[in-house]
Amino acid sequence: MMITRATLGGELGEKAAVFVTPVWLGVVYVLVGVKASIALGGNKSMIPAVFLVAGAPAALAYFLPGRVDHHGLQLILLVTAIWGLVSSSQKMAGLSGAAIAIGIAIGLETLPMQLILIAWVALRWAWRGNDVATQTRWFATCLAVGLALCFVATVPAEKWALPINDAMGRGHVVLGILGGILLTAGSHLSKETKVDRMGLVIRLLILIGIGIVVLSGLFVFPELIVPPYSKLDPLLLRLWLNNVSEAKPLSDALLSTTLGFAVFPVIAGLISIVAIGWAKGKERDLWVLAAMTILMSVGLAIFWQARTSGLAAAVSGVMAGGLIGKISEFISLRAALMVALVLNPIVPGFFGASIARMFEPKSGKFKVGGGAGCYTQQAFATLNQQKPGLVIAPIDMGARILLTTRHQVLAAPYHRNETGNLASYRVFMAKSDQAKAMVAGLRGDYVAICTRSAEIAILSREGPGGLMADLSSNNIPDWLMPLPKAKGSDVRLFKVQLDENRIGG
């Protein structure tokens, strides 16, 4: 952003940075994913990996122009961690541990997948013994050191002792460092190889001991087993977060949506299980990793949160690319590429979703976010022509208003903005006179709604006779002046008219 602002000016430079940043991060993601596939399946994996990694819609959604958040970077770090592990070298194992530490510092959304990688490293050491002890030590040491450095660098000192559970906190760091130190120490205690059954038993006992010590830390840091949004206001939890599609499991979505995502990774996971059977030696460990990561990520998306579908698509693309590279060692590359045309993130899901869609009811009037008519710059053209001020709008509109206009917003889709989000919902559910007083107290200048957003239906149902219900039925209170609607826009905009003009006041 500093570069674009310096070359293009403030406002244009900021918009250019918002457009360019996700794109170059997407390029980094593809490059790292392809490197991981090559490390897994050899040089013949490169062509299918480019196609499979770059062609996963659920993963590429994190890198759309205009989407600037931490999820894309988390995905890059997860794929980097996988690359480090499948490369089978000590320094790359260290890179993997460091990538996991940085990923935890950025956010906890990928933590379940990171725990799978950590568990695989530990179990592989228990099985292989001294053959992988050095790699294990590099991984565990870099993980522990990385967590310590990230904690000191990113968490203010006054929060070090606070029980935080929706971001990296004391519990994550202490138990992560403790586990890393114990695994490093354990790898020195038992240096026998796999052929020594007693050594295998000793290493398993060491791992069990480490697990007991680390898990007992949950009694010291109970915040780690509390749901991450437990402190969110119950109203926001019920009306907003519980209705955010990516925060709900795919099992709650339409069957076509679930199949559109799940068919490819499920097939890739099953083939990885088959690959375990024909692989030999340490290579078999890599396919165990592939099966674990793919099936775990699929399970998380279907039964926990749909947002992890991007992780599953990325992991499946990387592993499938390596798998097709391995297959090409036994068949021609052309035949392997034909396999890739069938085993890919698009074709299987497309056919599965198309068949399921034939038996599903048509979508209703409202949808999450409201669609293109409430998303594009043209949708907010009228608002962008107004004098800058504070816009009172539902949560889903906040980020797009900030991106496409010069205005400020009260609410945006970030759970830490609890005060502003709650105030916005209370305004829209309040009776007109109460809403007027609340808007005056908030010093609001404009009110905006998206006529196709699911939030209209939710807030109108929860606040019958409230401001949102009035606006959606075109019952406009006298303290709001309608402004012209831009062509192709589903945004309705109103200027607040109180006793005094708040704009610039």
Foldseek 3Di string as FASTA:
>chain_A
DVVQCVVPNDQVSVLVCLQVVLVVLLVLQLVLLLLLLCLQANPLLNVLLSCFQNVFVLQSVCRHRNRDACPSVLLSLLSQLSSLVSNLDQVSLLSNLLSLLVSQQRWCPCVVLNVLSLVLLLVVCLQFAQVCLSSLLSNLVSNLVNNVVSCVVRPDPVQAPPLAAGGDHVLVNVLSNLLSVLSNVLSVVQRDGNVPVVSSVSSVVSVVVSVVVSVVCCVVRVSNPPPNCPVFDPVCVVQPQVPDQQQAACLPPQQLVLLLQQPQLVVLLVVLVVVLVVDDDVSSSSSVSLNSSLVVLSCCRHHGGVSSSSSNSNSSSSSLSSVLSNVCVVPPSVVSVVVSVCNHSGVRSVVSSVVSVVPDDDDDQADALQPPLLADLLQCVQVQPDAEEEELEAASNQSRCVSNHVYHYQHYPDSVSRVSNVLSLCLQLAAPVVNLVSCVVVLGFKYKYQLRHPSLVSSCVVRPNGNSVCVNVVNHDPQWAWDDGGPSHRMTMTTGHDPDRSVVD
